[in-house]
Amino acid sequence: MAEPVFQRPGEGRASDNPLGVELVFKVRGEQTDGTLTAFENLVASGEGPPLHTHANEDEAIYILDGEVRFKLGDEIQTGAAGSYVFIPRGTPHAWQNVGGGPARMLFHFTPSGMERFFDGFAALEAPGPAAFATVGAEVGMDVVGPPLAQSDPV
């Protein structure tokens, strides 16, 4: 059974971030009976994942600081702090920090499960660009295109 979780600023379980700055889990699936994974992600300017889909989870992103560009299906939109994005499972999507400094975002996945991607990534000795697709495939995430910086440069 899930128990209540309370995290203060700066609290949570840190994990290796495929985009290289900081990722801190606020709640993981084992704490929520599999209903939710949430983490805060600090991403360097210009960075973002390749275009991908999730087979099993819906994703929600709230921009806390910075400016982030999103590709959702065929549409591209840019949001600043306070912007919210909901991405139903199966939707091709990517995002890119287009601000001059780090972007800070809060991610929610429901049901939980995406923490396995970050755990798998952290377990690699020398993760390279192909690791995103390899580890992602193990958790139902399919890379279907390049990052926005390549497919749709600013």
N, C-alpha and C. Protein backbone atom coordinates (compact mmCIF):
# COMPACT_ATOMS: atom_id res chain seq x y z
N MET A 1 0.83 -1.18 0.00
CA MET A 1 0.00 0.00 0.00
C MET A 1 0.88 1.25 0.00
N ALA A 2 0.49 2.24 -0.77
CA ALA A 2 1.25 3.48 -0.84
C ALA A 2 1.15 4.26 0.46
N GLU A 3 2.23 4.93 0.79
CA GLU A 3 2.28 5.80 1.96
C GLU A 3 2.44 7.24 1.49
N PRO A 4 2.00 8.21 2.27
CA PRO A 4 2.22 9.61 1.89
C PRO A 4 3.71 9.92 1.77
N VAL A 5 4.04 10.82 0.86
CA VAL A 5 5.43 11.25 0.66
C VAL A 5 5.46 12.77 0.72
N PHE A 6 6.39 13.31 1.47
CA PHE A 6 6.59 14.76 1.54
C PHE A 6 8.07 15.03 1.29
N GLN A 7 8.37 15.82 0.28
CA GLN A 7 9.75 16.18 -0.04
C GLN A 7 9.91 17.69 0.02
N ARG A 8 10.89 18.16 0.75
CA ARG A 8 11.22 19.58 0.79
C ARG A 8 12.14 19.92 -0.39
N PRO A 9 12.30 21.21 -0.68
CA PRO A 9 13.25 21.58 -1.75
C PRO A 9 14.62 20.96 -1.48
N GLY A 10 15.19 20.42 -2.53
CA GLY A 10 16.50 19.80 -2.42
C GLY A 10 16.47 18.37 -1.95
N GLU A 11 15.32 17.86 -1.52
CA GLU A 11 15.23 16.48 -1.07
C GLU A 11 14.80 15.59 -2.23
N GLY A 12 15.13 14.32 -2.12
CA GLY A 12 14.78 13.34 -3.13
C GLY A 12 16.00 12.49 -3.46
N ARG A 13 15.79 11.50 -4.27
CA ARG A 13 16.87 10.57 -4.64
C ARG A 13 17.47 11.00 -5.98
N ALA A 14 18.74 11.37 -5.99
CA ALA A 14 19.42 11.78 -7.22
C ALA A 14 19.69 10.57 -8.10
N SER A 15 19.71 10.83 -9.41
CA SER A 15 19.98 9.78 -10.38
C SER A 15 20.81 10.37 -11.51
N ASP A 16 21.55 9.51 -12.22
CA ASP A 16 22.27 9.98 -13.40
C ASP A 16 21.26 10.49 -14.41
N ASN A 17 21.60 11.57 -15.06
CA ASN A 17 20.72 12.22 -16.03
C ASN A 17 21.30 12.01 -17.43
N PRO A 18 20.55 11.40 -18.35
CA PRO A 18 21.06 11.21 -19.71
C PRO A 18 21.42 12.52 -20.39
N LEU A 19 20.88 13.64 -19.91
CA LEU A 19 21.17 14.94 -20.52
C LEU A 19 22.21 15.70 -19.72
N GLY A 20 22.79 15.05 -18.72
CA GLY A 20 24.02 15.51 -18.13
C GLY A 20 24.03 16.52 -17.00
N VAL A 21 22.91 17.01 -16.49
CA VAL A 21 23.02 17.99 -15.40
C VAL A 21 22.53 17.35 -14.10
N GLU A 22 21.26 17.45 -13.78
CA GLU A 22 20.78 16.94 -12.49
C GLU A 22 19.36 16.40 -12.61
N LEU A 23 19.12 15.26 -12.00
CA LEU A 23 17.79 14.67 -11.96
C LEU A 23 17.57 14.15 -10.55
N VAL A 24 16.47 14.58 -9.91
CA VAL A 24 16.17 14.15 -8.55
C VAL A 24 14.74 13.62 -8.51
N PHE A 25 14.61 12.34 -8.13
CA PHE A 25 13.28 11.75 -7.98
C PHE A 25 12.61 12.32 -6.75
N LYS A 26 11.37 12.78 -6.91
CA LYS A 26 10.56 13.22 -5.79
C LYS A 26 9.72 12.08 -5.26
N VAL A 27 9.31 11.18 -6.16
CA VAL A 27 8.58 9.97 -5.75
C VAL A 27 8.79 8.92 -6.85
N ARG A 28 8.94 7.68 -6.42
CA ARG A 28 9.14 6.56 -7.34
C ARG A 28 7.99 5.57 -7.22
N GLY A 29 7.89 4.71 -8.19
CA GLY A 29 6.79 3.76 -8.24
C GLY A 29 6.66 2.89 -7.01
N GLU A 30 7.77 2.48 -6.43
CA GLU A 30 7.70 1.64 -5.23
C GLU A 30 7.09 2.38 -4.04
N GLN A 31 7.05 3.70 -4.09
CA GLN A 31 6.46 4.50 -3.02
C GLN A 31 4.97 4.77 -3.26
N THR A 32 4.50 4.56 -4.50
CA THR A 32 3.12 4.92 -4.88
C THR A 32 2.29 3.74 -5.34
N ASP A 33 2.74 2.54 -5.03
CA ASP A 33 2.06 1.33 -5.52
C ASP A 33 1.96 1.33 -7.04
N GLY A 34 2.96 1.90 -7.70
CA GLY A 34 3.01 1.87 -9.15
C GLY A 34 2.16 2.91 -9.87
N THR A 35 1.59 3.85 -9.13
CA THR A 35 0.70 4.82 -9.78
C THR A 35 1.41 6.03 -10.35
N LEU A 36 2.60 6.40 -9.82
CA LEU A 36 3.22 7.67 -10.21
C LEU A 36 4.72 7.64 -10.03
N THR A 37 5.42 8.25 -10.97
CA THR A 37 6.83 8.59 -10.85
C THR A 37 6.92 10.09 -11.08
N ALA A 38 7.66 10.79 -10.23
CA ALA A 38 7.84 12.24 -10.40
C ALA A 38 9.29 12.59 -10.13
N PHE A 39 9.84 13.48 -10.97
CA PHE A 39 11.21 13.93 -10.74
C PHE A 39 11.39 15.35 -11.25
N GLU A 40 12.37 16.02 -10.64
CA GLU A 40 12.78 17.35 -11.07
C GLU A 40 14.03 17.17 -11.91
N ASN A 41 14.06 17.84 -13.06
CA ASN A 41 15.14 17.66 -14.02
C ASN A 41 15.73 19.03 -14.34
N LEU A 42 17.04 19.17 -14.17
CA LEU A 42 17.76 20.38 -14.54
C LEU A 42 18.54 20.06 -15.80
N VAL A 43 18.28 20.82 -16.87
CA VAL A 43 18.81 20.49 -18.20
C VAL A 43 19.61 21.67 -18.73
N ALA A 44 20.79 21.40 -19.27
CA ALA A 44 21.66 22.43 -19.83
C ALA A 44 21.04 23.06 -21.08
N SER A 45 21.43 24.28 -21.35
CA SER A 45 20.97 24.99 -22.55
C SER A 45 21.31 24.19 -23.80
N GLY A 46 20.34 24.08 -24.70
CA GLY A 46 20.52 23.37 -25.96
C GLY A 46 20.21 21.89 -25.90
N GLU A 47 20.11 21.33 -24.71
CA GLU A 47 19.92 19.89 -24.56
C GLU A 47 18.45 19.48 -24.62
N GLY A 48 18.23 18.21 -24.97
CA GLY A 48 16.91 17.62 -25.00
C GLY A 48 17.00 16.22 -25.57
N PRO A 49 16.00 15.38 -25.30
CA PRO A 49 16.03 14.00 -25.75
C PRO A 49 15.67 13.87 -27.23
N PRO A 50 15.95 12.72 -27.82
CA PRO A 50 15.48 12.47 -29.18
C PRO A 50 13.95 12.34 -29.20
N LEU A 51 13.37 12.46 -30.38
CA LEU A 51 11.94 12.24 -30.56
C LEU A 51 11.64 10.80 -30.16
N HIS A 52 10.65 10.62 -29.28
CA HIS A 52 10.36 9.28 -28.77
C HIS A 52 8.90 9.15 -28.37
N THR A 53 8.49 7.92 -28.10
CA THR A 53 7.15 7.62 -27.61
C THR A 53 7.28 6.74 -26.36
N HIS A 54 6.24 6.76 -25.56
CA HIS A 54 6.13 5.86 -24.40
C HIS A 54 4.93 4.95 -24.65
N ALA A 55 5.13 3.65 -24.56
CA ALA A 55 4.04 2.70 -24.78
C ALA A 55 3.13 2.56 -23.57
N ASN A 56 3.69 2.81 -22.37
CA ASN A 56 2.96 2.45 -21.15
C ASN A 56 2.56 3.61 -20.25
N GLU A 57 3.16 4.79 -20.42
CA GLU A 57 2.93 5.88 -19.48
C GLU A 57 2.45 7.14 -20.19
N ASP A 58 1.58 7.89 -19.51
CA ASP A 58 1.28 9.27 -19.88
C ASP A 58 2.32 10.12 -19.17
N GLU A 59 2.67 11.26 -19.78
CA GLU A 59 3.71 12.13 -19.23
C GLU A 59 3.17 13.54 -19.11
N ALA A 60 3.53 14.20 -18.02
CA ALA A 60 3.18 15.60 -17.83
C ALA A 60 4.44 16.35 -17.41
N ILE A 61 4.62 17.55 -17.97
CA ILE A 61 5.81 18.35 -17.69
C ILE A 61 5.37 19.76 -17.31
N TYR A 62 5.93 20.26 -16.22
CA TYR A 62 5.68 21.63 -15.78
C TYR A 62 7.03 22.34 -15.76
N ILE A 63 7.13 23.45 -16.50
CA ILE A 63 8.38 24.20 -16.56
C ILE A 63 8.46 25.10 -15.33
N LEU A 64 9.49 24.88 -14.52
CA LEU A 64 9.69 25.66 -13.30
C LEU A 64 10.55 26.90 -13.57
N ASP A 65 11.59 26.74 -14.38
CA ASP A 65 12.50 27.82 -14.76
C ASP A 65 12.99 27.58 -16.17
N GLY A 66 13.16 28.67 -16.93
CA GLY A 66 13.75 28.56 -18.25
C GLY A 66 12.73 28.63 -19.37
N GLU A 67 13.20 28.30 -20.56
CA GLU A 67 12.38 28.31 -21.77
C GLU A 67 12.64 27.02 -22.53
N VAL A 68 11.57 26.28 -22.81
CA VAL A 68 11.70 24.95 -23.41
C VAL A 68 10.80 24.87 -24.64
N ARG A 69 11.36 24.31 -25.69
CA ARG A 69 10.62 24.10 -26.94
C ARG A 69 10.20 22.64 -26.98
N PHE A 70 8.95 22.40 -27.40
CA PHE A 70 8.38 21.05 -27.44
C PHE A 70 7.94 20.70 -28.85
N LYS A 71 8.18 19.47 -29.25
CA LYS A 71 7.58 18.91 -30.45
C LYS A 71 6.61 17.85 -29.97
N LEU A 72 5.33 18.05 -30.27
CA LEU A 72 4.27 17.13 -29.88
C LEU A 72 3.57 16.70 -31.15
N GLY A 73 3.85 15.47 -31.59
CA GLY A 73 3.37 15.06 -32.90
C GLY A 73 4.11 15.88 -33.94
N ASP A 74 3.37 16.64 -34.76
CA ASP A 74 3.98 17.47 -35.79
C ASP A 74 4.08 18.95 -35.39
N GLU A 75 3.55 19.31 -34.23
CA GLU A 75 3.53 20.72 -33.80
C GLU A 75 4.71 21.05 -32.91
N ILE A 76 5.24 22.27 -33.09
CA ILE A 76 6.31 22.77 -32.23
C ILE A 76 5.82 24.02 -31.53
N GLN A 77 5.99 24.04 -30.20
CA GLN A 77 5.59 25.19 -29.39
C GLN A 77 6.67 25.44 -28.34
N THR A 78 6.77 26.69 -27.91
CA THR A 78 7.75 27.07 -26.89
C THR A 78 7.03 27.58 -25.66
N GLY A 79 7.52 27.17 -24.48
CA GLY A 79 6.91 27.60 -23.23
C GLY A 79 7.95 28.08 -22.24
N ALA A 80 7.57 29.06 -21.45
CA ALA A 80 8.42 29.59 -20.38
C ALA A 80 7.95 29.03 -19.05
N ALA A 81 8.58 29.47 -17.97
CA ALA A 81 8.21 29.03 -16.62
C ALA A 81 6.70 29.21 -16.43
N GLY A 82 6.08 28.20 -15.87
CA GLY A 82 4.64 28.20 -15.67
C GLY A 82 3.88 27.44 -16.74
N SER A 83 4.55 27.07 -17.83
CA SER A 83 3.89 26.30 -18.90
C SER A 83 3.76 24.84 -18.47
N TYR A 84 2.68 24.22 -18.93
CA TYR A 84 2.36 22.84 -18.58
C TYR A 84 2.09 22.06 -19.86
N VAL A 85 2.60 20.84 -19.94
CA VAL A 85 2.42 19.99 -21.12
C VAL A 85 1.94 18.61 -20.67
N PHE A 86 0.89 18.11 -21.30
CA PHE A 86 0.43 16.74 -21.07
C PHE A 86 0.67 15.97 -22.35
N ILE A 87 1.31 14.80 -22.24
CA ILE A 87 1.66 13.99 -23.40
C ILE A 87 1.08 12.59 -23.22
N PRO A 88 -0.03 12.28 -23.92
CA PRO A 88 -0.59 10.93 -23.80
C PRO A 88 0.37 9.87 -24.34
N ARG A 89 0.34 8.70 -23.74
CA ARG A 89 1.21 7.61 -24.21
C ARG A 89 0.99 7.39 -25.71
N GLY A 90 2.05 7.04 -26.40
CA GLY A 90 2.00 6.82 -27.84
C GLY A 90 2.24 8.07 -28.67
N THR A 91 2.28 9.25 -28.07
CA THR A 91 2.48 10.50 -28.81
C THR A 91 3.97 10.73 -29.05
N PRO A 92 4.40 10.87 -30.31
CA PRO A 92 5.80 11.22 -30.55
C PRO A 92 6.07 12.61 -29.98
N HIS A 93 7.15 12.71 -29.19
CA HIS A 93 7.47 14.00 -28.59
C HIS A 93 8.96 14.13 -28.30
N ALA A 94 9.39 15.37 -28.24
CA ALA A 94 10.75 15.72 -27.86
C ALA A 94 10.69 17.12 -27.29
N TRP A 95 11.73 17.52 -26.59
CA TRP A 95 11.80 18.88 -26.08
C TRP A 95 13.26 19.32 -26.07
N GLN A 96 13.46 20.63 -26.00
CA GLN A 96 14.81 21.18 -25.99
C GLN A 96 14.82 22.46 -25.16
N ASN A 97 15.81 22.59 -24.29
CA ASN A 97 16.02 23.82 -23.54
C ASN A 97 16.57 24.86 -24.52
N VAL A 98 15.80 25.90 -24.80
CA VAL A 98 16.22 26.94 -25.74
C VAL A 98 16.57 28.24 -25.03
N GLY A 99 16.62 28.21 -23.70
CA GLY A 99 17.01 29.38 -22.93
C GLY A 99 18.53 29.49 -22.84
N GLY A 100 19.00 30.61 -22.31
CA GLY A 100 20.43 30.85 -22.18
C GLY A 100 21.08 30.13 -21.02
N GLY A 101 20.29 29.65 -20.08
CA GLY A 101 20.81 28.93 -18.91
C GLY A 101 20.08 27.63 -18.73
N PRO A 102 20.32 26.94 -17.62
CA PRO A 102 19.64 25.68 -17.37
C PRO A 102 18.13 25.86 -17.26
N ALA A 103 17.39 24.88 -17.72
CA ALA A 103 15.94 24.83 -17.54
C ALA A 103 15.66 23.83 -16.42
N ARG A 104 14.68 24.14 -15.60
CA ARG A 104 14.28 23.24 -14.52
C ARG A 104 12.84 22.85 -14.75
N MET A 105 12.59 21.53 -14.81
CA MET A 105 11.26 21.02 -15.13
C MET A 105 10.86 19.93 -14.14
N LEU A 106 9.56 19.85 -13.89
CA LEU A 106 9.00 18.79 -13.05
C LEU A 106 8.25 17.83 -13.96
N PHE A 107 8.61 16.55 -13.91
CA PHE A 107 8.02 15.51 -14.75
C PHE A 107 7.16 14.59 -13.89
N HIS A 108 6.01 14.19 -14.45
CA HIS A 108 5.16 13.17 -13.84
C HIS A 108 4.88 12.10 -14.89
N PHE A 109 5.03 10.85 -14.50
CA PHE A 109 4.67 9.72 -15.35
C PHE A 109 3.65 8.88 -14.61
N THR A 110 2.57 8.53 -15.32
CA THR A 110 1.56 7.67 -14.73
C THR A 110 1.10 6.63 -15.76
N PRO A 111 1.05 5.36 -15.41
CA PRO A 111 1.55 4.83 -14.15
C PRO A 111 3.07 4.97 -14.07
N SER A 112 3.63 4.58 -12.93
CA SER A 112 5.08 4.65 -12.76
C SER A 112 5.76 3.65 -13.69
N GLY A 113 7.05 3.72 -13.74
CA GLY A 113 7.82 2.78 -14.56
C GLY A 113 9.04 3.42 -15.21
N MET A 114 8.99 4.71 -15.48
CA MET A 114 10.11 5.35 -16.16
C MET A 114 11.36 5.45 -15.30
N GLU A 115 11.23 5.28 -13.99
CA GLU A 115 12.44 5.29 -13.17
C GLU A 115 13.38 4.16 -13.58
N ARG A 116 12.83 3.09 -14.16
CA ARG A 116 13.67 1.97 -14.64
C ARG A 116 14.60 2.43 -15.77
N PHE A 117 14.16 3.39 -16.58
CA PHE A 117 15.02 3.94 -17.64
C PHE A 117 16.24 4.62 -17.00
N PHE A 118 16.01 5.46 -16.02
CA PHE A 118 17.12 6.19 -15.40
C PHE A 118 18.01 5.26 -14.59
N ASP A 119 17.44 4.26 -13.94
CA ASP A 119 18.23 3.26 -13.22
C ASP A 119 19.11 2.49 -14.21
N GLY A 120 18.54 2.10 -15.36
CA GLY A 120 19.31 1.38 -16.38
C GLY A 120 20.41 2.25 -16.97
N PHE A 121 20.11 3.50 -17.19
CA PHE A 121 21.10 4.43 -17.73
C PHE A 121 22.26 4.61 -16.75
N ALA A 122 21.93 4.75 -15.46
CA ALA A 122 22.95 4.95 -14.43
C ALA A 122 23.85 3.72 -14.29
N ALA A 123 23.34 2.54 -14.63
CA ALA A 123 24.11 1.31 -14.49
C ALA A 123 25.14 1.12 -15.61
N LEU A 124 25.05 1.91 -16.67
CA LEU A 124 25.99 1.77 -17.78
C LEU A 124 27.35 2.35 -17.41
N GLU A 125 28.42 1.67 -17.85
CA GLU A 125 29.77 2.17 -17.57
C GLU A 125 30.12 3.37 -18.42
N ALA A 126 29.75 3.35 -19.68
CA ALA A 126 30.10 4.45 -20.60
C ALA A 126 28.92 4.72 -21.53
N PRO A 127 27.88 5.40 -21.01
CA PRO A 127 26.72 5.65 -21.87
C PRO A 127 27.05 6.61 -23.00
N GLY A 128 26.61 6.27 -24.19
CA GLY A 128 26.79 7.13 -25.35
C GLY A 128 25.43 7.46 -25.93
N PRO A 129 25.40 8.12 -27.10
CA PRO A 129 24.12 8.51 -27.70
C PRO A 129 23.17 7.34 -27.95
N ALA A 130 23.69 6.17 -28.28
CA ALA A 130 22.84 5.02 -28.56
C ALA A 130 22.19 4.45 -27.30
N ALA A 131 22.74 4.80 -26.12
CA ALA A 131 22.22 4.26 -24.87
C ALA A 131 20.78 4.69 -24.61
N PHE A 132 20.40 5.89 -25.04
CA PHE A 132 19.03 6.36 -24.84
C PHE A 132 18.05 5.38 -25.49
N ALA A 133 18.33 4.99 -26.72
CA ALA A 133 17.44 4.07 -27.44
C ALA A 133 17.51 2.66 -26.86
N THR A 134 18.70 2.19 -26.53
CA THR A 134 18.87 0.83 -26.01
C THR A 134 18.17 0.65 -24.68
N VAL A 135 18.45 1.54 -23.73
CA VAL A 135 17.84 1.44 -22.40
C VAL A 135 16.35 1.75 -22.50
N GLY A 136 15.98 2.71 -23.32
CA GLY A 136 14.58 3.07 -23.50
C GLY A 136 13.75 1.90 -24.00
N ALA A 137 14.28 1.14 -24.94
CA ALA A 137 13.54 0.01 -25.50
C ALA A 137 13.18 -1.01 -24.43
N GLU A 138 14.02 -1.12 -23.41
CA GLU A 138 13.77 -2.08 -22.33
C GLU A 138 12.58 -1.69 -21.46
N VAL A 139 12.15 -0.41 -21.53
CA VAL A 139 11.04 0.05 -20.69
C VAL A 139 9.85 0.56 -21.52
N GLY A 140 9.81 0.20 -22.80
CA GLY A 140 8.68 0.59 -23.64
C GLY A 140 8.77 1.98 -24.23
N MET A 141 9.98 2.54 -24.26
CA MET A 141 10.19 3.84 -24.88
C MET A 141 10.89 3.61 -26.21
N ASP A 142 10.29 4.14 -27.29
CA ASP A 142 10.81 3.91 -28.63
C ASP A 142 11.31 5.23 -29.21
N VAL A 143 12.60 5.30 -29.56
CA VAL A 143 13.16 6.47 -30.22
C VAL A 143 12.73 6.43 -31.68
N VAL A 144 12.05 7.50 -32.12
CA VAL A 144 11.49 7.53 -33.47
C VAL A 144 12.06 8.67 -34.32
N GLY A 145 13.04 9.40 -33.78
CA GLY A 145 13.65 10.49 -34.53
C GLY A 145 14.75 11.15 -33.72
N PRO A 146 15.44 12.11 -34.34
CA PRO A 146 16.55 12.79 -33.66
C PRO A 146 16.05 13.85 -32.67
N PRO A 147 16.96 14.39 -31.87
CA PRO A 147 16.59 15.51 -31.00
C PRO A 147 16.17 16.73 -31.83
N LEU A 148 15.42 17.63 -31.22
CA LEU A 148 14.96 18.85 -31.90
C LEU A 148 16.11 19.68 -32.45
N ALA A 149 17.24 19.72 -31.74
CA ALA A 149 18.38 20.50 -32.22
C ALA A 149 18.84 20.05 -33.60
N GLN A 150 18.59 18.79 -33.93
CA GLN A 150 18.95 18.27 -35.25
C GLN A 150 17.80 18.34 -36.25
N SER A 151 16.60 17.95 -35.82
CA SER A 151 15.48 17.89 -36.76
C SER A 151 14.89 19.25 -37.06
N ASP A 152 14.88 20.15 -36.10
CA ASP A 152 14.26 21.46 -36.24
C ASP A 152 15.11 22.52 -35.54
N PRO A 153 16.31 22.82 -36.06
CA PRO A 153 17.20 23.76 -35.36
C PRO A 153 16.53 25.14 -35.23
N VAL A 154 16.90 25.81 -34.14
CA VAL A 154 16.34 27.13 -33.87
C VAL A 154 16.99 28.16 -34.81
